[in-house]
Amino acid sequence: MHATVPPTERSRPYALLLKFPPGIVSFAIVAVYVATSLSFLASAPAFRFAPATFSMWHADGDDAALIMPPLGLLLVILSLHVFNRMAAVWRAPAATPDQ
């Protein structure tokens, strides 16, 4: 019954316009952080099959490839904090005054 109330039906397009762009930005941030941290973590085992190239840096030895997994672990920790902050930002508009 709540979905058929006229004010609810009129507010749906506005809710979509308010939630869709930040949702796209949030998805892009999550995708970049997850892909980058996983590629850094997997760089040492994957180096056995193919040399690792990250932007302008080329890992040409085992020592160079072993630098990336600790950086990937730090990036995982950083990304979890970023995801938590994004959730707090999304939670603020959804909170009702009595919460």
N, C-alpha and C. Protein backbone atom coordinates (compact mmCIF):
# COMPACT_ATOMS: atom_id res chain seq x y z
N MET A 1 0.81 -1.19 0.00
CA MET A 1 0.00 0.00 0.00
C MET A 1 0.86 1.26 0.00
N HIS A 2 2.01 1.20 0.65
CA HIS A 2 2.87 2.38 0.72
C HIS A 2 3.40 2.78 -0.65
N ALA A 3 3.64 1.80 -1.53
CA ALA A 3 4.20 2.11 -2.84
C ALA A 3 3.19 2.78 -3.76
N THR A 4 1.91 2.66 -3.47
CA THR A 4 0.90 3.26 -4.34
C THR A 4 0.47 4.64 -3.88
N VAL A 5 1.02 5.13 -2.78
CA VAL A 5 0.67 6.47 -2.31
C VAL A 5 1.29 7.48 -3.28
N PRO A 6 0.51 8.47 -3.74
CA PRO A 6 1.02 9.41 -4.74
C PRO A 6 2.34 10.13 -4.38
N PRO A 7 2.57 10.59 -3.16
CA PRO A 7 3.86 11.23 -2.90
C PRO A 7 5.05 10.27 -3.07
N THR A 8 4.85 8.99 -2.77
CA THR A 8 5.92 8.01 -2.96
C THR A 8 6.22 7.83 -4.43
N GLU A 9 5.18 7.77 -5.26
CA GLU A 9 5.37 7.60 -6.69
C GLU A 9 6.06 8.81 -7.30
N ARG A 10 5.76 9.98 -6.81
CA ARG A 10 6.40 11.19 -7.34
C ARG A 10 7.85 11.31 -6.90
N SER A 11 8.20 10.73 -5.78
CA SER A 11 9.56 10.88 -5.27
C SER A 11 10.53 9.85 -5.83
N ARG A 12 10.05 8.84 -6.51
CA ARG A 12 10.94 7.82 -7.05
C ARG A 12 11.96 8.37 -8.04
N PRO A 13 11.58 9.17 -9.03
CA PRO A 13 12.60 9.70 -9.95
C PRO A 13 13.64 10.56 -9.24
N TYR A 14 13.23 11.32 -8.26
CA TYR A 14 14.18 12.15 -7.53
C TYR A 14 15.14 11.29 -6.71
N ALA A 15 14.64 10.23 -6.13
CA ALA A 15 15.52 9.33 -5.38
C ALA A 15 16.52 8.67 -6.31
N LEU A 16 16.08 8.30 -7.51
CA LEU A 16 17.00 7.71 -8.47
C LEU A 16 18.05 8.71 -8.90
N LEU A 17 17.64 9.95 -9.16
CA LEU A 17 18.61 10.97 -9.56
C LEU A 17 19.60 11.30 -8.45
N LEU A 18 19.16 11.19 -7.20
CA LEU A 18 20.06 11.49 -6.08
C LEU A 18 20.99 10.32 -5.74
N LYS A 19 20.56 9.11 -5.99
CA LYS A 19 21.35 7.95 -5.59
C LYS A 19 22.21 7.37 -6.71
N PHE A 20 21.82 7.55 -7.96
CA PHE A 20 22.53 6.90 -9.05
C PHE A 20 23.94 7.44 -9.28
N PRO A 21 24.17 8.75 -9.41
CA PRO A 21 25.54 9.23 -9.64
C PRO A 21 26.52 8.89 -8.51
N PRO A 22 26.16 9.08 -7.23
CA PRO A 22 27.11 8.65 -6.19
C PRO A 22 27.32 7.15 -6.18
N GLY A 23 26.32 6.39 -6.58
CA GLY A 23 26.48 4.95 -6.65
C GLY A 23 27.47 4.54 -7.73
N ILE A 24 27.44 5.22 -8.85
CA ILE A 24 28.40 4.95 -9.92
C ILE A 24 29.81 5.30 -9.47
N VAL A 25 29.96 6.43 -8.80
CA VAL A 25 31.28 6.84 -8.29
C VAL A 25 31.77 5.84 -7.24
N SER A 26 30.89 5.42 -6.36
CA SER A 26 31.26 4.44 -5.34
C SER A 26 31.69 3.12 -5.97
N PHE A 27 30.97 2.67 -6.98
CA PHE A 27 31.33 1.44 -7.66
C PHE A 27 32.69 1.56 -8.32
N ALA A 28 32.96 2.68 -8.95
CA ALA A 28 34.26 2.88 -9.61
C ALA A 28 35.39 2.86 -8.59
N ILE A 29 35.19 3.51 -7.45
CA ILE A 29 36.22 3.53 -6.41
C ILE A 29 36.47 2.13 -5.87
N VAL A 30 35.41 1.38 -5.61
CA VAL A 30 35.55 0.02 -5.10
C VAL A 30 36.25 -0.86 -6.14
N ALA A 31 35.87 -0.75 -7.40
CA ALA A 31 36.48 -1.58 -8.44
C ALA A 31 37.97 -1.29 -8.58
N VAL A 32 38.35 -0.02 -8.54
CA VAL A 32 39.76 0.34 -8.68
C VAL A 32 40.56 -0.15 -7.48
N TYR A 33 40.07 0.06 -6.28
CA TYR A 33 40.81 -0.37 -5.09
C TYR A 33 40.94 -1.88 -5.03
N VAL A 34 39.88 -2.61 -5.31
CA VAL A 34 39.93 -4.07 -5.24
C VAL A 34 40.86 -4.63 -6.32
N ALA A 35 40.73 -4.14 -7.54
CA ALA A 35 41.57 -4.65 -8.63
C ALA A 35 43.04 -4.34 -8.39
N THR A 36 43.34 -3.14 -7.93
CA THR A 36 44.74 -2.77 -7.71
C THR A 36 45.34 -3.57 -6.55
N SER A 37 44.62 -3.67 -5.45
CA SER A 37 45.19 -4.38 -4.31
C SER A 37 45.35 -5.87 -4.62
N LEU A 38 44.40 -6.48 -5.31
CA LEU A 38 44.55 -7.89 -5.67
C LEU A 38 45.67 -8.12 -6.66
N SER A 39 45.86 -7.20 -7.59
CA SER A 39 46.97 -7.37 -8.54
C SER A 39 48.31 -7.20 -7.84
N PHE A 40 48.40 -6.32 -6.87
CA PHE A 40 49.65 -6.18 -6.11
C PHE A 40 49.90 -7.43 -5.27
N LEU A 41 48.85 -7.97 -4.65
CA LEU A 41 49.02 -9.17 -3.83
C LEU A 41 49.42 -10.38 -4.68
N ALA A 42 48.91 -10.47 -5.88
CA ALA A 42 49.18 -11.62 -6.73
C ALA A 42 50.41 -11.45 -7.61
N SER A 43 51.11 -10.34 -7.47
CA SER A 43 52.22 -10.08 -8.39
C SER A 43 53.39 -11.02 -8.17
N ALA A 44 53.72 -11.38 -6.94
CA ALA A 44 54.86 -12.27 -6.71
C ALA A 44 54.60 -13.68 -7.23
N PRO A 45 53.45 -14.32 -6.92
CA PRO A 45 53.22 -15.64 -7.51
C PRO A 45 53.05 -15.60 -9.03
N ALA A 46 52.46 -14.54 -9.53
CA ALA A 46 52.23 -14.44 -10.97
C ALA A 46 53.51 -14.10 -11.73
N PHE A 47 54.52 -13.59 -11.03
CA PHE A 47 55.77 -13.23 -11.70
C PHE A 47 56.45 -14.44 -12.31
N ARG A 48 56.19 -15.63 -11.78
CA ARG A 48 56.78 -16.85 -12.32
C ARG A 48 56.29 -17.11 -13.75
N PHE A 49 55.09 -16.66 -14.07
CA PHE A 49 54.51 -16.94 -15.39
C PHE A 49 54.66 -15.78 -16.36
N ALA A 50 54.66 -14.55 -15.84
CA ALA A 50 54.78 -13.37 -16.71
C ALA A 50 55.41 -12.24 -15.91
N PRO A 51 56.27 -11.46 -16.52
CA PRO A 51 56.86 -10.34 -15.79
C PRO A 51 55.81 -9.29 -15.44
N ALA A 52 56.00 -8.64 -14.31
CA ALA A 52 55.03 -7.66 -13.82
C ALA A 52 55.41 -6.27 -14.28
N THR A 53 54.45 -5.54 -14.80
CA THR A 53 54.66 -4.15 -15.18
C THR A 53 53.55 -3.34 -14.55
N PHE A 54 53.92 -2.39 -13.71
CA PHE A 54 52.96 -1.51 -13.05
C PHE A 54 53.28 -0.09 -13.46
N SER A 55 52.45 0.47 -14.31
CA SER A 55 52.61 1.82 -14.81
C SER A 55 53.97 1.93 -15.50
N MET A 56 54.88 2.71 -14.95
CA MET A 56 56.19 2.88 -15.58
C MET A 56 57.25 2.00 -14.93
N TRP A 57 56.90 1.25 -13.90
CA TRP A 57 57.86 0.41 -13.19
C TRP A 57 57.73 -1.02 -13.68
N HIS A 58 58.86 -1.63 -14.02
CA HIS A 58 58.88 -3.00 -14.53
C HIS A 58 59.65 -3.87 -13.56
N ALA A 59 58.98 -4.88 -13.00
CA ALA A 59 59.64 -5.81 -12.09
C ALA A 59 60.39 -6.83 -12.92
N ASP A 60 61.72 -6.76 -12.89
CA ASP A 60 62.51 -7.64 -13.74
C ASP A 60 63.27 -8.71 -12.95
N GLY A 61 62.95 -8.86 -11.68
CA GLY A 61 63.60 -9.89 -10.89
C GLY A 61 62.71 -10.30 -9.72
N ASP A 62 63.12 -11.39 -9.05
CA ASP A 62 62.33 -11.86 -7.92
C ASP A 62 62.30 -10.84 -6.79
N ASP A 63 63.41 -10.15 -6.56
CA ASP A 63 63.45 -9.14 -5.50
C ASP A 63 62.47 -8.01 -5.77
N ALA A 64 62.43 -7.57 -7.01
CA ALA A 64 61.52 -6.48 -7.36
C ALA A 64 60.06 -6.93 -7.26
N ALA A 65 59.79 -8.19 -7.60
CA ALA A 65 58.41 -8.69 -7.53
C ALA A 65 57.96 -8.88 -6.09
N LEU A 66 58.91 -9.09 -5.17
CA LEU A 66 58.54 -9.29 -3.77
C LEU A 66 58.21 -7.99 -3.05
N ILE A 67 58.45 -6.87 -3.68
CA ILE A 67 58.10 -5.57 -3.09
C ILE A 67 56.59 -5.33 -3.14
N MET A 68 55.94 -5.85 -4.17
CA MET A 68 54.54 -5.52 -4.41
C MET A 68 53.54 -6.15 -3.43
N PRO A 69 53.66 -7.39 -2.99
CA PRO A 69 52.65 -7.94 -2.06
C PRO A 69 52.51 -7.17 -0.74
N PRO A 70 53.60 -6.71 -0.09
CA PRO A 70 53.38 -5.90 1.11
C PRO A 70 52.66 -4.59 0.80
N LEU A 71 52.97 -4.00 -0.35
CA LEU A 71 52.23 -2.80 -0.75
C LEU A 71 50.77 -3.11 -1.01
N GLY A 72 50.50 -4.28 -1.57
CA GLY A 72 49.12 -4.70 -1.78
C GLY A 72 48.37 -4.91 -0.48
N LEU A 73 49.07 -5.45 0.52
CA LEU A 73 48.45 -5.63 1.83
C LEU A 73 48.13 -4.28 2.47
N LEU A 74 49.05 -3.33 2.35
CA LEU A 74 48.77 -1.98 2.85
C LEU A 74 47.61 -1.33 2.10
N LEU A 75 47.54 -1.59 0.80
CA LEU A 75 46.44 -1.04 0.02
C LEU A 75 45.11 -1.68 0.39
N VAL A 76 45.12 -2.96 0.75
CA VAL A 76 43.89 -3.63 1.22
C VAL A 76 43.40 -2.96 2.50
N ILE A 77 44.32 -2.71 3.42
CA ILE A 77 43.95 -2.06 4.68
C ILE A 77 43.42 -0.65 4.41
N LEU A 78 44.10 0.09 3.54
CA LEU A 78 43.65 1.44 3.20
C LEU A 78 42.28 1.39 2.52
N SER A 79 42.09 0.43 1.62
CA SER A 79 40.81 0.35 0.91
C SER A 79 39.66 0.01 1.85
N LEU A 80 39.91 -0.83 2.87
CA LEU A 80 38.85 -1.13 3.83
C LEU A 80 38.45 0.13 4.59
N HIS A 81 39.41 0.97 4.92
CA HIS A 81 39.08 2.24 5.58
C HIS A 81 38.30 3.17 4.64
N VAL A 82 38.69 3.20 3.38
CA VAL A 82 37.97 4.03 2.41
C VAL A 82 36.54 3.52 2.23
N PHE A 83 36.36 2.21 2.14
CA PHE A 83 35.02 1.64 1.99
C PHE A 83 34.16 1.94 3.22
N ASN A 84 34.77 1.87 4.39
CA ASN A 84 34.04 2.17 5.62
C ASN A 84 33.61 3.63 5.65
N ARG A 85 34.47 4.53 5.22
CA ARG A 85 34.13 5.96 5.18
C ARG A 85 33.04 6.22 4.15
N MET A 86 33.10 5.52 3.01
CA MET A 86 32.05 5.69 2.00
C MET A 86 30.71 5.20 2.55
N ALA A 87 30.72 4.13 3.31
CA ALA A 87 29.49 3.63 3.92
C ALA A 87 28.94 4.63 4.92
N ALA A 88 29.82 5.31 5.67
CA ALA A 88 29.36 6.32 6.62
C ALA A 88 28.75 7.50 5.89
N VAL A 89 29.32 7.87 4.76
CA VAL A 89 28.76 8.98 3.97
C VAL A 89 27.39 8.58 3.41
N TRP A 90 27.24 7.35 2.96
CA TRP A 90 25.96 6.89 2.44
C TRP A 90 24.93 6.72 3.54
N ARG A 91 25.38 6.39 4.75
CA ARG A 91 24.46 6.18 5.86
C ARG A 91 23.84 7.50 6.34
N ALA A 92 24.57 8.59 6.24
CA ALA A 92 24.09 9.88 6.76
C ALA A 92 22.77 10.33 6.11
N PRO A 93 22.65 10.33 4.77
CA PRO A 93 21.35 10.75 4.20
C PRO A 93 20.22 9.77 4.49
N ALA A 94 20.55 8.50 4.72
CA ALA A 94 19.51 7.49 4.94
C ALA A 94 19.03 7.46 6.39
N ALA A 95 19.75 8.10 7.27
CA ALA A 95 19.37 8.07 8.69
C ALA A 95 18.13 8.92 8.94
N THR A 96 17.26 8.39 9.75
CA THR A 96 16.08 9.16 10.13
C THR A 96 16.40 9.97 11.37
N PRO A 97 15.65 11.02 11.66
CA PRO A 97 15.97 11.86 12.81
C PRO A 97 15.93 11.15 14.16
N ASP A 98 15.17 10.07 14.26
CA ASP A 98 15.08 9.39 15.56
C ASP A 98 16.19 8.39 15.78
N GLN A 99 17.13 8.23 14.83
CA GLN A 99 18.24 7.28 14.99
C GLN A 99 19.42 7.93 15.63
